Protein backbone atom coordinates (compact mmCIF):
# COMPACT_ATOMS: atom_id res chain seq x y z
CA MET A 1 -8.73 1.12 24.38
CA ALA A 2 -5.57 3.11 23.33
CA ASP A 3 -2.33 1.37 22.49
CA LEU A 4 0.24 3.85 23.71
CA ARG A 5 3.07 2.15 21.81
CA THR A 6 1.55 2.97 18.45
CA HIS A 7 -0.86 5.83 19.14
CA HIS A 8 -3.60 3.91 17.40
CA LEU A 9 -6.88 2.86 18.96
CA ILE A 10 -6.95 -0.87 19.33
CA TYR A 11 -10.49 -2.37 19.47
CA GLY A 12 -9.38 -5.96 19.81
CA THR A 13 -9.02 -8.38 16.96
CA MET A 14 -10.89 -9.17 13.78
CA ALA A 15 -10.82 -11.82 11.05
CA ASP A 16 -9.01 -10.73 7.90
CA TYR A 17 -11.50 -10.70 4.98
CA LEU A 18 -9.12 -12.34 2.56
CA THR A 19 -7.27 -14.85 4.69
CA GLY A 20 -9.48 -15.36 7.76
CA ASP A 21 -6.40 -14.74 9.95
CA SER A 22 -6.85 -12.93 13.21
CA ILE A 23 -5.53 -9.38 12.92
CA VAL A 24 -5.50 -6.27 15.11
CA ASP A 25 -8.74 -4.21 14.87
CA THR A 26 -7.89 -0.48 14.31
CA ASP A 27 -9.66 2.30 12.42
CA ASP A 28 -7.06 1.98 9.61
CA GLU A 29 -7.48 -1.78 9.49
CA ARG A 30 -11.24 -1.40 9.08
CA TYR A 31 -10.62 0.71 6.01
CA ARG A 32 -8.16 -1.87 4.67
CA GLN A 33 -10.77 -4.60 5.16
CA LYS A 34 -13.37 -2.39 3.44
CA ILE A 35 -11.00 -1.97 0.48
CA ALA A 36 -10.37 -5.73 0.25
CA ARG A 37 -14.08 -6.45 0.31
CA PHE A 38 -14.68 -3.75 -2.34
CA MET A 39 -12.10 -5.32 -4.59
CA VAL A 40 -13.76 -8.74 -4.35
CA GLU A 41 -17.45 -7.88 -4.12
CA GLU A 42 -17.56 -4.76 -6.33
CA LYS A 43 -14.62 -5.16 -8.66
CA GLY A 44 -14.84 -8.86 -9.19
CA TYR A 45 -11.40 -10.06 -8.16
CA ALA A 46 -11.04 -13.55 -6.70
CA ARG A 47 -9.71 -13.56 -3.12
CA GLU A 48 -6.77 -15.57 -4.34
CA GLU A 49 -5.76 -12.79 -6.77
CA LEU A 50 -5.29 -10.34 -3.90
CA ILE A 51 -2.20 -10.75 -1.80
CA PRO A 52 -2.42 -8.88 1.47
CA ARG A 53 0.35 -7.23 3.49
CA LEU A 54 3.50 -7.83 1.36
CA ARG A 55 6.39 -5.97 2.97
CA ILE A 56 9.50 -4.10 1.92
CA GLU A 57 12.14 -3.52 4.58
CA THR A 58 14.62 -0.63 4.41
CA LEU A 59 17.41 0.66 6.59
CA PHE A 60 18.89 4.07 5.90
CA ASN A 61 20.48 6.52 8.39
CA LYS A 62 19.68 4.12 11.28
CA ASN A 63 15.99 4.21 10.38
CA PHE A 64 14.61 0.66 9.94
CA ILE A 65 11.27 0.90 8.26
CA THR A 66 8.81 -1.79 7.18
CA SER A 67 6.65 -0.61 4.27
CA THR A 68 3.48 -2.62 3.88
CA ILE A 69 1.79 -3.06 0.58
CA ASP A 70 -1.84 -3.42 1.58
CA LEU A 71 -2.94 -5.40 -1.47
CA THR A 72 -1.02 -6.74 -4.46
CA VAL A 73 -3.14 -7.85 -7.40
CA CYS A 74 -1.78 -10.95 -9.07
CA LEU A 75 -3.22 -11.91 -12.45
CA ARG A 76 -1.95 -14.83 -14.56
CA ASP A 77 1.00 -15.32 -12.12
CA ARG A 78 2.18 -11.72 -12.46
CA TYR A 79 1.94 -8.91 -9.98
CA PHE A 80 -0.18 -6.45 -11.92
CA MET A 81 -1.09 -3.66 -9.39
CA VAL A 82 -0.30 -2.56 -5.87
CA VAL A 83 -2.93 -0.95 -3.69
CA ARG A 84 -1.75 1.26 -0.81
CA TYR A 85 -4.05 2.71 1.80
CA GLY A 86 -3.36 5.79 3.84
CA PRO A 87 -5.64 8.26 5.59
CA GLY A 88 -5.90 11.78 4.32
CA SER A 89 -4.51 13.30 1.16
CA LEU A 90 -3.92 11.03 -1.82
CA VAL A 91 -1.31 13.15 -3.53
CA SER A 92 1.13 12.61 -0.70
CA ARG A 93 0.67 8.81 -1.15
CA GLU A 94 1.49 8.70 -4.91
CA ARG A 95 5.29 8.60 -4.81
CA PRO A 96 5.73 5.92 -2.20
CA ALA A 97 3.20 3.73 -4.02
CA ILE A 98 5.10 4.11 -7.24
CA ALA A 99 8.38 3.38 -5.45
CA ALA A 100 6.84 0.22 -3.95
CA ALA A 101 5.62 -0.95 -7.40
CA ARG A 102 9.07 -0.43 -8.82
CA VAL A 103 10.90 -2.55 -6.16
CA LEU A 104 8.42 -5.00 -4.68
CA ASN A 105 9.09 -7.76 -7.22
CA PRO A 106 12.77 -8.68 -7.86
CA ASP A 107 12.09 -9.85 -11.40
CA TYR A 108 10.10 -6.89 -12.86
CA GLN A 109 8.42 -3.55 -12.08
CA ILE A 110 4.69 -3.70 -11.41
CA PRO A 111 2.92 -1.55 -14.01
CA TYR A 112 0.05 -0.05 -11.95
CA ALA A 113 -0.58 1.33 -8.51
CA VAL A 114 -3.62 2.54 -6.60
CA VAL A 115 -3.53 4.96 -3.65
CA THR A 116 -6.64 5.21 -1.55
CA ASN A 117 -7.88 6.65 1.69
CA GLY A 118 -10.86 4.27 1.62
CA GLU A 119 -13.20 6.96 0.36
CA ASP A 120 -11.37 8.18 -2.75
CA ALA A 121 -8.66 6.66 -4.94
CA GLU A 122 -6.13 7.39 -7.69
CA PHE A 123 -5.17 4.85 -10.35
CA LEU A 124 -1.48 5.41 -11.39
CA ALA A 125 0.71 4.29 -14.23
CA VAL A 126 4.02 3.39 -12.52
CA ASN A 127 6.31 3.89 -15.50
CA SER A 128 5.19 7.53 -16.15
CA SER A 129 4.07 8.32 -12.61
CA LYS A 130 0.82 9.75 -14.07
CA VAL A 131 -2.61 9.64 -12.52
CA LEU A 132 -4.77 7.77 -14.99
CA ALA A 133 -8.11 8.10 -13.16
CA CYS A 134 -9.58 9.34 -9.94
CA GLY A 135 -12.26 7.81 -7.73
CA MET A 136 -12.94 4.41 -6.21
CA GLU A 137 -15.21 3.58 -9.16
CA LYS A 138 -12.20 4.11 -11.52
CA ILE A 139 -10.06 1.41 -9.94
CA PRO A 140 -10.00 -1.23 -12.75
CA ASP A 141 -12.36 -4.11 -12.16
CA ARG A 142 -11.28 -7.67 -12.96
CA GLU A 143 -12.43 -7.52 -16.60
CA GLN A 144 -10.73 -4.17 -17.21
CA ALA A 145 -7.55 -5.41 -15.55
CA SER A 146 -7.56 -8.46 -17.85
CA GLY A 147 -7.68 -6.08 -20.81
CA LEU A 148 -4.95 -3.88 -19.41
CA LEU A 149 -2.81 -6.96 -18.74
CA LYS A 150 -2.72 -7.74 -22.49
CA THR A 151 -0.77 -4.57 -23.23
CA ALA A 152 0.89 -3.97 -19.89
CA VAL A 153 4.67 -3.49 -19.88
CA PHE A 154 6.64 -5.13 -17.07
CA PRO A 155 10.01 -3.40 -17.18
CA PRO A 156 13.02 -5.09 -15.62
CA PRO A 157 13.88 -4.11 -12.06
CA PRO A 158 15.56 -0.75 -11.72
CA PRO A 159 19.37 -0.66 -11.69
CA ALA A 160 21.04 -0.75 -8.28
CA LYS A 161 21.38 3.02 -7.87
CA ARG A 162 17.75 3.68 -8.96
CA ARG A 163 16.52 0.83 -6.74
CA GLU A 164 18.28 2.39 -3.76
CA GLN A 165 16.62 5.74 -4.50
CA GLU A 166 13.24 4.09 -4.61
CA LEU A 167 13.91 2.26 -1.31
CA ARG A 168 15.01 5.56 0.25
CA ILE A 169 11.70 7.09 -0.79
CA LEU A 170 9.82 4.32 0.96
CA ASN A 171 12.05 4.67 4.02
CA VAL A 172 11.22 8.43 4.32
CA PHE A 173 7.55 8.38 3.43
CA ASP A 174 6.67 5.37 5.56
CA GLN A 175 8.37 6.54 8.73
CA GLU A 176 5.92 7.30 11.50
CA ILE A 177 6.97 10.33 13.48
CA CYS A 178 5.27 10.97 16.81
CA CYS A 179 3.95 14.47 17.32
CA THR A 180 5.82 15.86 14.29
CA GLY A 181 9.18 15.85 16.06
CA GLY A 182 8.01 17.74 19.12
CA PRO A 183 7.53 16.34 22.59
CA CYS A 184 5.00 13.56 22.71
CA ALA A 185 1.64 14.53 24.17
CA ILE A 186 1.06 11.11 25.67
CA PRO A 187 2.59 11.00 29.18
CA ASN A 188 5.65 8.70 29.62
CA ALA A 189 5.63 7.75 25.93
CA PRO A 190 9.19 6.82 24.75
CA GLU A 191 9.00 9.44 22.00
CA GLY A 192 8.52 12.24 24.51
């Protein structure tokens, strides 16, 4: 069944793998659940170490956007890595994932980020914005993450001007635009 308000197919509801909460069942959510299951069953993280759906809200130029961080890995009471899912190309997901890692926590910047489309992934160093590894198998497992945590740097939050720039990046990249600015193909949709 199509949900004409969001242009996503809605199949009903499903239980969230990490929390057991009832969530909307969409194609994208199925990938998110697959990623959460992969992080627990293949990568060895405890469910309690994965925080789903943290949000960052922005308002610029009359555009209110809620950016969702699909998973935040928390080790030894510190946010260690953010994981962001998005269909399609990974390279277009790098910058907003880095921006999210820089501003999500008010006390420090998160040192690592992962972008994934559910089939492929990139592991990123937030400070340098460099891709450290490619492939789902290259996402650090729990043991590797513990090793990285020993030398990880958690810089202070960005200064106000830099924070605003990072928030603006999230605001632009996470905005959903119907039909790339043209008339909406769905009859009577508010975007058209």
